Amino acid sequence: MLIWGWGRKSRTVRLNDAEAVIATFRYFSLFFVFSTTWGTRYVLARVQPDGTTGYRDLADQEAMAAANGGELPAPTPWQRFSLLGLLAVGIVLVVLVASLA
């Protein structure tokens, strides 16, 4: 869709050669530029000795502990709030136009 879209995205932070923390979140976007996100969920991905990858859901506190004080993967502020900012600007413009009329 060129005008709007929604779905899931993910961001990953590698902890070491065998582990990574993956954050998945839902998003809604307008013109591929303005978006809002919600429902961030963390998963620990670990390479098993046999070469397969195992996944385990993490609570927020567990994800912070797994990152060992490092930065957790998360949506950027632009991804989280740009659609809300656009909405706020639109409301301000409507109020200004209405007050001039």
PDB file of N, CA and C in Angstrom:
ATOM      1  N   MET A   1       0.833  -1.184   0.000  1.00  0.00           N
ATOM      2  CA  MET A   1       0.000   0.000   0.000  1.00  0.00           C
ATOM      3  C   MET A   1       0.876   1.245   0.000  1.00  0.00           C
ATOM      4  N   LEU A   2       0.547   2.177  -0.834  1.00  0.00           N
ATOM      5  CA  LEU A   2       1.339   3.402  -0.912  1.00  0.00           C
ATOM      6  C   LEU A   2       0.938   4.440   0.124  1.00  0.00           C
ATOM      7  N   ILE A   3      -0.311   4.395   0.575  1.00  0.00           N
ATOM      8  CA  ILE A   3      -0.781   5.433   1.477  1.00  0.00           C
ATOM      9  C   ILE A   3      -0.658   5.014   2.930  1.00  0.00           C
ATOM     10  N   TRP A   4      -1.041   3.783   3.262  1.00  0.00           N
ATOM     11  CA  TRP A   4      -0.970   3.343   4.650  1.00  0.00           C
ATOM     12  C   TRP A   4      -0.610   1.862   4.698  1.00  0.00           C
ATOM     13  N   GLY A   5      -0.144   1.447   5.849  1.00  0.00           N
ATOM     14  CA  GLY A   5       0.217   0.056   6.016  1.00  0.00           C
ATOM     15  C   GLY A   5       0.346  -0.298   7.483  1.00  0.00           C
ATOM     16  N   TRP A   6       0.365  -1.582   7.759  1.00  0.00           N
ATOM     17  CA  TRP A   6       0.531  -2.048   9.127  1.00  0.00           C
ATOM     18  C   TRP A   6       1.182  -3.418   9.102  1.00  0.00           C
ATOM     19  N   GLY A   7       1.632  -3.847  10.248  1.00  0.00           N
ATOM     20  CA  GLY A   7       2.261  -5.153  10.333  1.00  0.00           C
ATOM     21  C   GLY A   7       3.146  -5.269  11.548  1.00  0.00           C
ATOM     22  N   ARG A   8       4.161  -6.125  11.419  1.00  0.00           N
ATOM     23  CA  ARG A   8       5.126  -6.328  12.490  1.00  0.00           C
ATOM     24  C   ARG A   8       6.520  -6.059  11.967  1.00  0.00           C
ATOM     25  N   LYS A   9       7.350  -5.518  12.833  1.00  0.00           N
ATOM     26  CA  LYS A   9       8.759  -5.309  12.523  1.00  0.00           C
ATOM     27  C   LYS A   9       9.571  -5.840  13.690  1.00  0.00           C
ATOM     28  N   SER A  10      10.860  -5.991  13.461  1.00  0.00           N
ATOM     29  CA  SER A  10      11.724  -6.440  14.545  1.00  0.00           C
ATOM     30  C   SER A  10      13.059  -5.720  14.475  1.00  0.00           C
ATOM     31  N   ARG A  11      13.701  -5.658  15.627  1.00  0.00           N
ATOM     32  CA  ARG A  11      15.050  -5.113  15.744  1.00  0.00           C
ATOM     33  C   ARG A  11      15.841  -6.089  16.595  1.00  0.00           C
ATOM     34  N   THR A  12      17.118  -6.249  16.272  1.00  0.00           N
ATOM     35  CA  THR A  12      17.943  -7.256  16.926  1.00  0.00           C
ATOM     36  C   THR A  12      19.221  -6.640  17.489  1.00  0.00           C
ATOM     37  N   VAL A  13      19.618  -7.103  18.671  1.00  0.00           N
ATOM     38  CA  VAL A  13      20.907  -6.762  19.262  1.00  0.00           C
ATOM     39  C   VAL A  13      21.618  -8.074  19.555  1.00  0.00           C
ATOM     40  N   ARG A  14      22.795  -8.211  18.994  1.00  0.00           N
ATOM     41  CA  ARG A  14      23.583  -9.429  19.193  1.00  0.00           C
ATOM     42  C   ARG A  14      24.326  -9.339  20.519  1.00  0.00           C
ATOM     43  N   LEU A  15      24.166 -10.338  21.364  1.00  0.00           N
ATOM     44  CA  LEU A  15      24.830 -10.356  22.664  1.00  0.00           C
ATOM     45  C   LEU A  15      26.210 -10.983  22.581  1.00  0.00           C
ATOM     46  N   ASN A  16      26.325 -12.069  21.852  1.00  0.00           N
ATOM     47  CA  ASN A  16      27.594 -12.744  21.620  1.00  0.00           C
ATOM     48  C   ASN A  16      27.443 -13.589  20.353  1.00  0.00           C
ATOM     49  N   ASP A  17      28.382 -14.479  20.099  1.00  0.00           N
ATOM     50  CA  ASP A  17      28.329 -15.275  18.865  1.00  0.00           C
ATOM     51  C   ASP A  17      27.143 -16.225  18.823  1.00  0.00           C
ATOM     52  N   ALA A  18      26.579 -16.578  19.971  1.00  0.00           N
ATOM     53  CA  ALA A  18      25.520 -17.583  20.006  1.00  0.00           C
ATOM     54  C   ALA A  18      24.168 -17.040  20.445  1.00  0.00           C
ATOM     55  N   GLU A  19      24.091 -15.774  20.892  1.00  0.00           N
ATOM     56  CA  GLU A  19      22.834 -15.247  21.424  1.00  0.00           C
ATOM     57  C   GLU A  19      22.524 -13.861  20.880  1.00  0.00           C
ATOM     58  N   ALA A  20      21.238 -13.595  20.783  1.00  0.00           N
ATOM     59  CA  ALA A  20      20.767 -12.271  20.377  1.00  0.00           C
ATOM     60  C   ALA A  20      19.413 -12.015  21.033  1.00  0.00           C
ATOM     61  N   VAL A  21      19.133 -10.758  21.332  1.00  0.00           N
ATOM     62  CA  VAL A  21      17.816 -10.353  21.821  1.00  0.00           C
ATOM     63  C   VAL A  21      17.084  -9.701  20.658  1.00  0.00           C
ATOM     64  N   ILE A  22      15.877 -10.189  20.402  1.00  0.00           N
ATOM     65  CA  ILE A  22      15.057  -9.679  19.303  1.00  0.00           C
ATOM     66  C   ILE A  22      13.826  -9.001  19.898  1.00  0.00           C
ATOM     67  N   ALA A  23      13.562  -7.782  19.472  1.00  0.00           N
ATOM     68  CA  ALA A  23      12.354  -7.071  19.876  1.00  0.00           C
ATOM     69  C   ALA A  23      11.412  -7.047  18.680  1.00  0.00           C
ATOM     70  N   THR A  24      10.195  -7.546  18.862  1.00  0.00           N
ATOM     71  CA  THR A  24       9.187  -7.469  17.807  1.00  0.00           C
ATOM     72  C   THR A  24       8.102  -6.510  18.268  1.00  0.00           C
ATOM     73  N   PHE A  25       7.572  -5.744  17.337  1.00  0.00           N
ATOM     74  CA  PHE A  25       6.531  -4.782  17.675  1.00  0.00           C
ATOM     75  C   PHE A  25       5.593  -4.606  16.491  1.00  0.00           C
ATOM     76  N   ARG A  26       4.400  -4.174  16.777  1.00  0.00           N
ATOM     77  CA  ARG A  26       3.408  -3.884  15.745  1.00  0.00           C
ATOM     78  C   ARG A  26       3.489  -2.413  15.385  1.00  0.00           C
ATOM     79  N   TYR A  27       3.117  -2.106  14.131  1.00  0.00           N
ATOM     80  CA  TYR A  27       3.178  -0.717  13.698  1.00  0.00           C
ATOM     81  C   TYR A  27       2.019  -0.408  12.753  1.00  0.00           C
ATOM     82  N   PHE A  28       1.727   0.869  12.648  1.00  0.00           N
ATOM     83  CA  PHE A  28       0.821   1.418  11.646  1.00  0.00           C
ATOM     84  C   PHE A  28       1.546   2.603  11.045  1.00  0.00           C
ATOM     85  N   SER A  29       1.575   2.689   9.709  1.00  0.00           N
ATOM     86  CA  SER A  29       2.306   3.791   9.081  1.00  0.00           C
ATOM     87  C   SER A  29       1.447   4.493   8.040  1.00  0.00           C
ATOM     88  N   LEU A  30       1.814   5.718   7.793  1.00  0.00           N
ATOM     89  CA  LEU A  30       1.148   6.564   6.811  1.00  0.00           C
ATOM     90  C   LEU A  30       2.220   7.096   5.872  1.00  0.00           C
ATOM     91  N   PHE A  31       2.111   6.801   4.592  1.00  0.00           N
ATOM     92  CA  PHE A  31       3.068   7.229   3.562  1.00  0.00           C
ATOM     93  C   PHE A  31       4.494   6.735   3.848  1.00  0.00           C
ATOM     94  N   PHE A  32       4.662   5.623   4.534  1.00  0.00           N
ATOM     95  CA  PHE A  32       5.964   5.045   4.859  1.00  0.00           C
ATOM     96  C   PHE A  32       6.842   5.969   5.691  1.00  0.00           C
ATOM     97  N   VAL A  33       6.324   7.095   6.136  1.00  0.00           N
ATOM     98  CA  VAL A  33       7.136   8.067   6.863  1.00  0.00           C
ATOM     99  C   VAL A  33       6.644   8.204   8.303  1.00  0.00           C
ATOM    100  N   PHE A  34       5.369   8.438   8.459  1.00  0.00           N
ATOM    101  CA  PHE A  34       4.805   8.657   9.786  1.00  0.00           C
ATOM    102  C   PHE A  34       4.263   7.335  10.302  1.00  0.00           C
ATOM    103  N   SER A  35       4.648   6.993  11.530  1.00  0.00           N
ATOM    104  CA  SER A  35       4.206   5.711  12.069  1.00  0.00           C
ATOM    105  C   SER A  35       4.019   5.784  13.575  1.00  0.00           C
ATOM    106  N   THR A  36       3.368   4.771  14.095  1.00  0.00           N
ATOM    107  CA  THR A  36       3.247   4.573  15.530  1.00  0.00           C
ATOM    108  C   THR A  36       3.402   3.086  15.793  1.00  0.00           C
ATOM    109  N   THR A  37       3.971   2.730  16.941  1.00  0.00           N
ATOM    110  CA  THR A  37       4.207   1.333  17.266  1.00  0.00           C
ATOM    111  C   THR A  37       3.646   1.019  18.648  1.00  0.00           C
ATOM    112  N   TRP A  38       3.409  -0.256  18.885  1.00  0.00           N
ATOM    113  CA  TRP A  38       2.932  -0.708  20.178  1.00  0.00           C
ATOM    114  C   TRP A  38       3.231  -2.202  20.319  1.00  0.00           C
ATOM    115  N   GLY A  39       3.086  -2.708  21.523  1.00  0.00           N
ATOM    116  CA  GLY A  39       3.205  -4.135  21.779  1.00  0.00           C
ATOM    117  C   GLY A  39       4.599  -4.710  21.609  1.00  0.00           C
ATOM    118  N   THR A  40       5.620  -4.054  22.160  1.00  0.00           N
ATOM    119  CA  THR A  40       6.985  -4.573  22.045  1.00  0.00           C
ATOM    120  C   THR A  40       7.122  -5.851  22.876  1.00  0.00           C
ATOM    121  N   ARG A  41       7.667  -6.883  22.235  1.00  0.00           N
ATOM    122  CA  ARG A  41       7.886  -8.186  22.881  1.00  0.00           C
ATOM    123  C   ARG A  41       9.330  -8.602  22.644  1.00  0.00           C
ATOM    124  N   TYR A  42       9.971  -9.126  23.673  1.00  0.00           N
ATOM    125  CA  TYR A  42      11.373  -9.527  23.569  1.00  0.00           C
ATOM    126  C   TYR A  42      11.502 -11.049  23.508  1.00  0.00           C
ATOM    127  N   VAL A  43      12.457 -11.502  22.683  1.00  0.00           N
ATOM    128  CA  VAL A  43      12.737 -12.925  22.513  1.00  0.00           C
ATOM    129  C   VAL A  43      14.246 -13.110  22.545  1.00  0.00           C
ATOM    130  N   LEU A  44      14.706 -14.146  23.239  1.00  0.00           N
ATOM    131  CA  LEU A  44      16.120 -14.501  23.242  1.00  0.00           C
ATOM    132  C   LEU A  44      16.316 -15.606  22.211  1.00  0.00           C
ATOM    133  N   ALA A  45      17.171 -15.352  21.237  1.00  0.00           N
ATOM    134  CA  ALA A  45      17.507 -16.348  20.215  1.00  0.00           C
ATOM    135  C   ALA A  45      18.875 -16.917  20.561  1.00  0.00           C
ATOM    136  N   ARG A  46      18.965 -18.241  20.615  1.00  0.00           N
ATOM    137  CA  ARG A  46      20.219 -18.893  20.990  1.00  0.00           C
ATOM    138  C   ARG A  46      20.515 -20.018  20.003  1.00  0.00           C
ATOM    139  N   VAL A  47      21.737 -20.031  19.480  1.00  0.00           N
ATOM    140  CA  VAL A  47      22.166 -21.105  18.583  1.00  0.00           C
ATOM    141  C   VAL A  47      22.497 -22.323  19.443  1.00  0.00           C
ATOM    142  N   GLN A  48      21.846 -23.437  19.146  1.00  0.00           N
ATOM    143  CA  GLN A  48      22.042 -24.682  19.891  1.00  0.00           C
ATOM    144  C   GLN A  48      23.308 -25.390  19.399  1.00  0.00           C
ATOM    145  N   PRO A  49      23.834 -26.334  20.170  1.00  0.00           N
ATOM    146  CA  PRO A  49      25.033 -27.067  19.747  1.00  0.00           C
ATOM    147  C   PRO A  49      24.860 -27.826  18.424  1.00  0.00           C
ATOM    148  N   ASP A  50      23.628 -28.231  18.110  1.00  0.00           N
ATOM    149  CA  ASP A  50      23.413 -28.958  16.851  1.00  0.00           C
ATOM    150  C   ASP A  50      23.215 -28.022  15.656  1.00  0.00           C
ATOM    151  N   GLY A  51      23.314 -26.706  15.866  1.00  0.00           N
ATOM    152  CA  GLY A  51      23.223 -25.742  14.771  1.00  0.00           C
ATOM    153  C   GLY A  51      21.860 -25.122  14.583  1.00  0.00           C
ATOM    154  N   THR A  52      20.835 -25.615  15.256  1.00  0.00           N
ATOM    155  CA  THR A  52      19.508 -25.019  15.156  1.00  0.00           C
ATOM    156  C   THR A  52      19.426 -23.806  16.073  1.00  0.00           C
ATOM    157  N   THR A  53      18.406 -23.001  15.876  1.00  0.00           N
ATOM    158  CA  THR A  53      18.208 -21.821  16.705  1.00  0.00           C
ATOM    159  C   THR A  53      16.991 -22.025  17.588  1.00  0.00           C
ATOM    160  N   GLY A  54      17.169 -21.792  18.879  1.00  0.00           N
ATOM    161  CA  GLY A  54      16.065 -21.882  19.827  1.00  0.00           C
ATOM    162  C   GLY A  54      15.643 -20.483  20.248  1.00  0.00           C
ATOM    163  N   TYR A  55      14.349 -20.326  20.485  1.00  0.00           N
ATOM    164  CA  TYR A  55      13.797 -19.027  20.873  1.00  0.00           C
ATOM    165  C   TYR A  55      13.088 -19.161  22.209  1.00  0.00           C
ATOM    166  N   ARG A  56      13.229 -18.128  23.058  1.00  0.00           N
ATOM    167  CA  ARG A  56      12.557 -18.113  24.354  1.00  0.00           C
ATOM    168  C   ARG A  56      12.041 -16.707  24.612  1.00  0.00           C
ATOM    169  N   ASP A  57      10.755 -16.599  24.953  1.00  0.00           N
ATOM    170  CA  ASP A  57      10.167 -15.301  25.284  1.00  0.00           C
ATOM    171  C   ASP A  57      10.786 -14.771  26.564  1.00  0.00           C
ATOM    172  N   LEU A  58      10.983 -13.454  26.611  1.00  0.00           N
ATOM    173  CA  LEU A  58      11.569 -12.801  27.769  1.00  0.00           C
ATOM    174  C   LEU A  58      10.638 -11.720  28.291  1.00  0.00           C
ATOM    175  N   ALA A  59      10.553 -11.603  29.603  1.00  0.00           N
ATOM    176  CA  ALA A  59       9.890 -10.454  30.213  1.00  0.00           C
ATOM    177  C   ALA A  59      10.836  -9.257  30.071  1.00  0.00           C
ATOM    178  N   ASP A  60      10.320  -8.061  30.271  1.00  0.00           N
ATOM    179  CA  ASP A  60      11.148  -6.862  30.123  1.00  0.00           C
ATOM    180  C   ASP A  60      12.368  -6.901  31.045  1.00  0.00           C
ATOM    181  N   GLN A  61      12.176  -7.345  32.292  1.00  0.00           N
ATOM    182  CA  GLN A  61      13.286  -7.404  33.242  1.00  0.00           C
ATOM    183  C   GLN A  61      14.315  -8.448  32.797  1.00  0.00           C
ATOM    184  N   GLU A  62      13.850  -9.579  32.270  1.00  0.00           N
ATOM    185  CA  GLU A  62      14.772 -10.608  31.789  1.00  0.00           C
ATOM    186  C   GLU A  62      15.566 -10.111  30.581  1.00  0.00           C
ATOM    187  N   ALA A  63      14.906  -9.347  29.717  1.00  0.00           N
ATOM    188  CA  ALA A  63      15.595  -8.804  28.540  1.00  0.00           C
ATOM    189  C   ALA A  63      16.678  -7.825  28.969  1.00  0.00           C
ATOM    190  N   MET A  64      16.386  -6.994  29.978  1.00  0.00           N
ATOM    191  CA  MET A  64      17.392  -6.055  30.471  1.00  0.00           C
ATOM    192  C   MET A  64      18.558  -6.802  31.100  1.00  0.00           C
ATOM    193  N   ALA A  65      18.277  -7.877  31.827  1.00  0.00           N
ATOM    194  CA  ALA A  65      19.339  -8.666  32.440  1.00  0.00           C
ATOM    195  C   ALA A  65      20.164  -9.370  31.372  1.00  0.00           C
ATOM    196  N   ALA A  66      19.523  -9.856  30.314  1.00  0.00           N
ATOM    197  CA  ALA A  66      20.246 -10.541  29.236  1.00  0.00           C
ATOM    198  C   ALA A  66      21.169  -9.583  28.497  1.00  0.00           C
ATOM    199  N   ALA A  67      20.767  -8.322  28.399  1.00  0.00           N
ATOM    200  CA  ALA A  67      21.585  -7.327  27.693  1.00  0.00           C
ATOM    201  C   ALA A  67      22.785  -6.880  28.522  1.00  0.00           C
ATOM    202  N   ASN A  68      22.834  -7.268  29.794  1.00  0.00           N
ATOM    203  CA  ASN A  68      23.963  -6.927  30.677  1.00  0.00           C
ATOM    204  C   ASN A  68      24.279  -5.438  30.681  1.00  0.00           C
ATOM    205  N   GLY A  69      23.276  -4.613  30.815  1.00  0.00           N
ATOM    206  CA  GLY A  69      23.488  -3.173  30.862  1.00  0.00           C
ATOM    207  C   GLY A  69      23.620  -2.525  29.502  1.00  0.00           C
ATOM    208  N   GLY A  70      23.610  -3.327  28.433  1.00  0.00           N
ATOM    209  CA  GLY A  70      23.668  -2.772  27.079  1.00  0.00           C
ATOM    210  C   GLY A  70      22.305  -2.253  26.652  1.00  0.00           C
ATOM    211  N   GLU A  71      22.255  -1.716  25.480  1.00  0.00           N
ATOM    212  CA  GLU A  71      21.016  -1.153  24.959  1.00  0.00           C
ATOM    213  C   GLU A  71      20.111  -2.253  24.415  1.00  0.00           C
ATOM    214  N   LEU A  72      18.851  -2.231  24.818  1.00  0.00           N
ATOM    215  CA  LEU A  72      17.874  -3.181  24.307  1.00  0.00           C
ATOM    216  C   LEU A  72      17.386  -2.738  22.930  1.00  0.00           C
ATOM    217  N   PRO A  73      17.081  -3.685  22.066  1.00  0.00           N
ATOM    218  CA  PRO A  73      16.508  -3.285  20.787  1.00  0.00           C
ATOM    219  C   PRO A  73      15.096  -2.776  21.024  1.00  0.00           C
ATOM    220  N   ALA A  74      14.747  -1.700  20.379  1.00  0.00           N
ATOM    221  CA  ALA A  74      13.413  -1.114  20.537  1.00  0.00           C
ATOM    222  C   ALA A  74      13.134  -0.225  19.336  1.00  0.00           C
ATOM    223  N   PRO A  75      11.858   0.074  19.100  1.00  0.00           N
ATOM    224  CA  PRO A  75      11.549   1.023  18.025  1.00  0.00           C
ATOM    225  C   PRO A  75      12.164   2.387  18.327  1.00  0.00           C
ATOM    226  N   THR A  76      12.576   3.086  17.290  1.00  0.00           N
ATOM    227  CA  THR A  76      13.139   4.416  17.478  1.00  0.00           C
ATOM    228  C   THR A  76      12.022   5.386  17.875  1.00  0.00           C
ATOM    229  N   PRO A  77      12.374   6.522  18.482  1.00  0.00           N
ATOM    230  CA  PRO A  77      11.339   7.501  18.819  1.00  0.00           C
ATOM    231  C   PRO A  77      10.536   7.942  17.589  1.00  0.00           C
ATOM    232  N   TRP A  78      11.179   8.047  16.436  1.00  0.00           N
ATOM    233  CA  TRP A  78      10.453   8.432  15.227  1.00  0.00           C
ATOM    234  C   TRP A  78       9.423   7.365  14.863  1.00  0.00           C
ATOM    235  N   GLN A  79       9.803   6.095  14.950  1.00  0.00           N
ATOM    236  CA  GLN A  79       8.865   5.020  14.653  1.00  0.00           C
ATOM    237  C   GLN A  79       7.715   5.008  15.648  1.00  0.00           C
ATOM    238  N   ARG A  80       7.980   5.355  16.885  1.00  0.00           N
ATOM    239  CA  ARG A  80       6.946   5.280  17.907  1.00  0.00           C
ATOM    240  C   ARG A  80       5.968   6.452  17.876  1.00  0.00           C
ATOM    241  N   PHE A  81       6.455   7.670  17.620  1.00  0.00           N
ATOM    242  CA  PHE A  81       5.625   8.845  17.864  1.00  0.00           C
ATOM    243  C   PHE A  81       5.390   9.758  16.668  1.00  0.00           C
ATOM    244  N   SER A  82       5.928   9.476  15.500  1.00  0.00           N
ATOM    245  CA  SER A  82       5.813  10.429  14.393  1.00  0.00           C
ATOM    246  C   SER A  82       4.369  10.598  13.923  1.00  0.00           C
ATOM    247  N   LEU A  83       3.575   9.539  13.927  1.00  0.00           N
ATOM    248  CA  LEU A  83       2.176   9.670  13.517  1.00  0.00           C
ATOM    249  C   LEU A  83       1.395  10.501  14.529  1.00  0.00           C
ATOM    250  N   LEU A  84       1.715  10.347  15.813  1.00  0.00           N
ATOM    251  CA  LEU A  84       1.058  11.152  16.840  1.00  0.00           C
ATOM    252  C   LEU A  84       1.458  12.623  16.700  1.00  0.00           C
ATOM    253  N   GLY A  85       2.708  12.896  16.345  1.00  0.00           N
ATOM    254  CA  GLY A  85       3.151  14.266  16.099  1.00  0.00           C
ATOM    255  C   GLY A  85       2.433  14.884  14.923  1.00  0.00           C
ATOM    256  N   LEU A  86       2.271  14.096  13.848  1.00  0.00           N
ATOM    257  CA  LEU A  86       1.539  14.584  12.676  1.00  0.00           C
ATOM    258  C   LEU A  86       0.092  14.897  13.043  1.00  0.00           C
ATOM    259  N   LEU A  87      -0.517  14.054  13.851  1.00  0.00           N
ATOM    260  CA  LEU A  87      -1.892  14.291  14.297  1.00  0.00           C
ATOM    261  C   LEU A  87      -1.979  15.573  15.124  1.00  0.00           C
ATOM    262  N   ALA A  88      -1.022  15.808  16.013  1.00  0.00           N
ATOM    263  CA  ALA A  88      -1.008  17.017  16.835  1.00  0.00           C
ATOM    264  C   ALA A  88      -0.864  18.267  15.965  1.00  0.00           C
ATOM    265  N   VAL A  89       0.022  18.220  14.973  1.00  0.00           N
ATOM    266  CA  VAL A  89       0.192  19.357  14.061  1.00  0.00           C
ATOM    267  C   VAL A  89      -1.102  19.601  13.291  1.00  0.00           C
ATOM    268  N   GLY A  90      -1.761  18.552  12.863  1.00  0.00           N
ATOM    269  CA  GLY A  90      -3.030  18.692  12.144  1.00  0.00           C
ATOM    270  C   GLY A  90      -4.097  19.347  13.001  1.00  0.00           C
ATOM    271  N   ILE A  91      -4.176  18.958  14.256  1.00  0.00           N
ATOM    272  CA  ILE A  91      -5.163  19.556  15.167  1.00  0.00           C
ATOM    273  C   ILE A  91      -4.864  21.027  15.381  1.00  0.00           C
ATOM    274  N   VAL A  92      -3.595  21.371  15.568  1.00  0.00           N
ATOM    275  CA  VAL A  92      -3.206  22.778  15.755  1.00  0.00           C
ATOM    276  C   VAL A  92      -3.575  23.582  14.513  1.00  0.00           C
ATOM    277  N   LEU A  93      -3.329  23.053  13.324  1.00  0.00           N
ATOM    278  CA  LEU A  93      -3.680  23.769  12.091  1.00  0.00           C
ATOM    279  C   LEU A  93      -5.186  23.964  11.953  1.00  0.00           C
ATOM    280  N   VAL A  94      -5.973  22.968  12.305  1.00  0.00           N
ATOM    281  CA  VAL A  94      -7.438  23.093  12.237  1.00  0.00           C
ATOM    282  C   VAL A  94      -7.913  24.170  13.209  1.00  0.00           C
ATOM    283  N   VAL A  95      -7.361  24.187  14.411  1.00  0.00           N
ATOM    284  CA  VAL A  95      -7.744  25.203  15.403  1.00  0.00           C
ATOM    285  C   VAL A  95      -7.344  26.595  14.913  1.00  0.00           C
ATOM    286  N   LEU A  96      -6.158  26.740  14.332  1.00  0.00           N
ATOM    287  CA  LEU A  96      -5.737  28.043  13.816  1.00  0.00           C
ATOM    288  C   LEU A  96      -6.610  28.524  12.678  1.00  0.00           C
ATOM    289  N   VAL A  97      -6.932  27.646  11.745  1.00  0.00           N
ATOM    290  CA  VAL A  97      -7.789  28.029  10.634  1.00  0.00           C
ATOM    291  C   VAL A  97      -9.185  28.388  11.124  1.00  0.00           C
ATOM    292  N   ALA A  98      -9.704  27.611  12.090  1.00  0.00           N
ATOM    293  CA  ALA A  98     -11.035  27.903  12.627  1.00  0.00           C
ATOM    294  C   ALA A  98     -11.056  29.228  13.368  1.00  0.00           C
ATOM    295  N   SER A  99      -9.971  29.586  14.042  1.00  0.00           N
ATOM    296  CA  SER A  99      -9.950  30.841  14.791  1.00  0.00           C
ATOM    297  C   SER A  99      -9.820  32.050  13.862  1.00  0.00           C
ATOM    298  N   LEU A 100      -9.246  31.858  12.679  1.00  0.00           N
ATOM    299  CA  LEU A 100      -9.118  32.952  11.731  1.00  0.00           C
ATOM    300  C   LEU A 100     -10.420  33.197  10.969  1.00  0.00           C
ATOM    301  N   ALA A 101     -11.276  32.207  10.905  1.00  0.00           N
ATOM    302  CA  ALA A 101     -12.522  32.337  10.134  1.00  0.00           C
ATOM    303  C   ALA A 101     -13.584  33.078  10.878  1.00  0.00           C
TER     304      ALA A 101
END
